Protein backbone atom coordinates (compact mmCIF):
# COMPACT_ATOMS: atom_id res chain seq x y z
CA UNK A 1 0.00 0.00 0.00
CA UNK A 2 1.35 3.42 -0.91
CA UNK A 3 0.92 6.59 1.11
CA UNK A 4 -1.90 7.84 -1.15
CA UNK A 5 -4.12 4.75 -0.92
CA UNK A 6 -6.42 6.45 1.61
CA UNK A 7 -6.84 9.60 -0.49
CA UNK A 8 -10.04 10.02 -2.48
CA UNK A 9 -10.03 10.46 -6.24
CA UNK A 10 -12.84 11.00 -8.72
CA UNK A 11 -13.24 8.11 -11.12
CA UNK A 12 -15.23 8.41 -14.32
CA UNK A 13 -16.79 5.23 -15.66
CA UNK A 14 -17.83 5.45 -19.30
CA UNK A 15 -20.18 2.94 -20.92
CA UNK A 16 -18.18 1.91 -23.98
CA UNK A 17 -20.77 -0.37 -25.57
CA UNK A 18 -24.22 -1.73 -24.89
CA UNK A 19 -26.48 -4.62 -25.75
CA UNK A 20 -29.60 -2.46 -25.31
CA UNK A 21 -29.27 1.32 -25.62
CA UNK A 22 -32.75 1.79 -24.12
CA UNK A 23 -31.53 0.26 -20.83
CA UNK A 24 -27.87 1.29 -20.71
CA UNK A 25 -26.79 4.20 -22.89
CA UNK A 26 -23.49 3.93 -24.73
CA UNK A 27 -21.15 6.87 -24.12
CA UNK A 28 -22.77 7.91 -20.85
CA UNK A 29 -20.37 8.72 -18.02
CA UNK A 30 -20.76 8.22 -14.28
CA UNK A 31 -18.56 9.99 -11.74
CA UNK A 32 -17.76 8.24 -8.47
CA UNK A 33 -15.44 9.46 -5.74
CA UNK A 34 -13.66 6.74 -3.78
CA UNK A 35 -10.34 6.08 -2.09
CA UNK A 36 -7.48 5.09 -4.38
CA UNK A 37 -7.00 1.84 -2.46
CA UNK A 38 -10.63 0.76 -2.98
CA UNK A 39 -11.10 -2.67 -4.51
CA UNK A 40 -12.58 -2.75 -8.02
CA UNK A 41 -15.39 -4.95 -6.70
CA UNK A 42 -16.45 -2.14 -4.36
CA UNK A 43 -16.15 0.48 -7.12
CA UNK A 44 -18.28 -1.67 -9.41
CA UNK A 45 -20.91 -2.15 -6.69
CA UNK A 46 -21.07 1.63 -6.24
CA UNK A 47 -21.38 1.99 -10.03
CA UNK A 48 -24.37 -0.37 -10.14
CA UNK A 49 -26.21 1.97 -7.75
CA UNK A 50 -26.35 4.51 -10.59
CA UNK A 51 -28.94 2.30 -12.30
CA UNK A 52 -32.49 1.23 -11.46
CA UNK A 53 -32.61 -2.02 -9.51
CA UNK A 54 -34.59 -3.75 -12.25
CA UNK A 55 -31.59 -3.63 -14.65
CA UNK A 56 -28.91 -4.77 -12.16
CA UNK A 57 -28.73 -8.12 -13.95
CA UNK A 58 -27.83 -6.30 -17.19
CA UNK A 59 -25.21 -3.99 -15.68
CA UNK A 60 -23.59 -6.92 -13.87
CA UNK A 61 -22.67 -8.33 -17.30
CA UNK A 62 -20.14 -5.51 -17.70
CA UNK A 63 -16.51 -5.53 -16.69
CA UNK A 64 -14.28 -2.55 -15.94
CA UNK A 65 -11.22 -1.73 -17.99
CA UNK A 66 -8.52 0.90 -17.51
CA UNK A 67 -7.98 3.75 -19.95
CA UNK A 68 -5.17 1.66 -21.46
CA UNK A 69 -7.63 -1.21 -22.07
CA UNK A 70 -6.38 -3.46 -19.29
CA UNK A 71 -9.12 -5.48 -17.62
CA UNK A 72 -9.61 -4.68 -13.93
CA UNK A 73 -10.64 -7.65 -11.83
CA UNK A 74 -12.54 -7.53 -8.53
CA UNK A 75 -9.31 -8.13 -6.61
CA UNK A 76 -7.52 -5.17 -8.23
CA UNK A 77 -7.51 -1.77 -6.56
CA UNK A 78 -8.37 1.51 -8.26
CA UNK A 79 -4.75 2.62 -7.94
CA UNK A 80 -3.61 -0.46 -9.92
CA UNK A 81 -4.85 1.35 -13.04
CA UNK A 82 -2.45 4.25 -12.50
CA UNK A 83 1.02 4.18 -14.08
CA UNK A 84 2.37 5.80 -10.88
CA UNK A 85 0.00 5.51 -7.93
CA UNK A 86 2.00 8.10 -5.95
CA UNK A 87 1.21 10.86 -8.47
CA UNK A 88 -1.14 13.72 -7.75
CA UNK A 89 -4.79 13.59 -8.82
CA UNK A 90 -4.12 16.23 -11.48
CA UNK A 91 -1.30 14.22 -13.07
CA UNK A 92 -3.48 11.11 -13.09
CA UNK A 93 -6.36 13.06 -14.63
CA UNK A 94 -4.06 14.69 -17.21
CA UNK A 95 -3.21 11.18 -18.43
CA UNK A 96 -6.91 10.13 -18.32
CA UNK A 97 -5.98 7.29 -15.98
CA UNK A 98 -9.00 8.11 -13.82
CA UNK A 99 -11.31 7.17 -16.70
CA UNK A 100 -12.44 3.56 -16.65
CA UNK A 101 -14.49 1.85 -19.34
CA UNK A 102 -17.46 -0.43 -18.75
CA UNK A 103 -17.49 -3.03 -21.51
CA UNK A 104 -19.87 -5.90 -22.17
CA UNK A 105 -18.94 -8.76 -24.47
CA UNK A 106 -21.96 -10.40 -26.07
CA UNK A 107 -21.91 -14.16 -26.03
CA UNK A 108 -22.33 -15.85 -29.34
CA UNK A 109 -25.09 -18.43 -29.47
CA UNK A 110 -23.94 -21.98 -28.86
CA UNK A 111 -25.06 -24.71 -31.17
């Protein structure tokens, strides 16, 4: 853990694609402020609260990816997406490392 893990940072989660634009709109952004050391699972749970409860099953199909297109797993921390987790918020934001992408991969039908 670095000395900035307990500091809060604003994370933007952008919906990169959608299976149903009427339910989850592609391109829409959600801003969430959490500590840098927060687990991705907790960030994702906070993100799901931005949606009506009746579409939780749809939003749970998404996974979070860093701005450099690296998948973030539940056991990762927010700060794992930063190239230097000891940098200031402004430096992280200047590099867009505080922007995460929510991506869903449609399953192809099985025969």
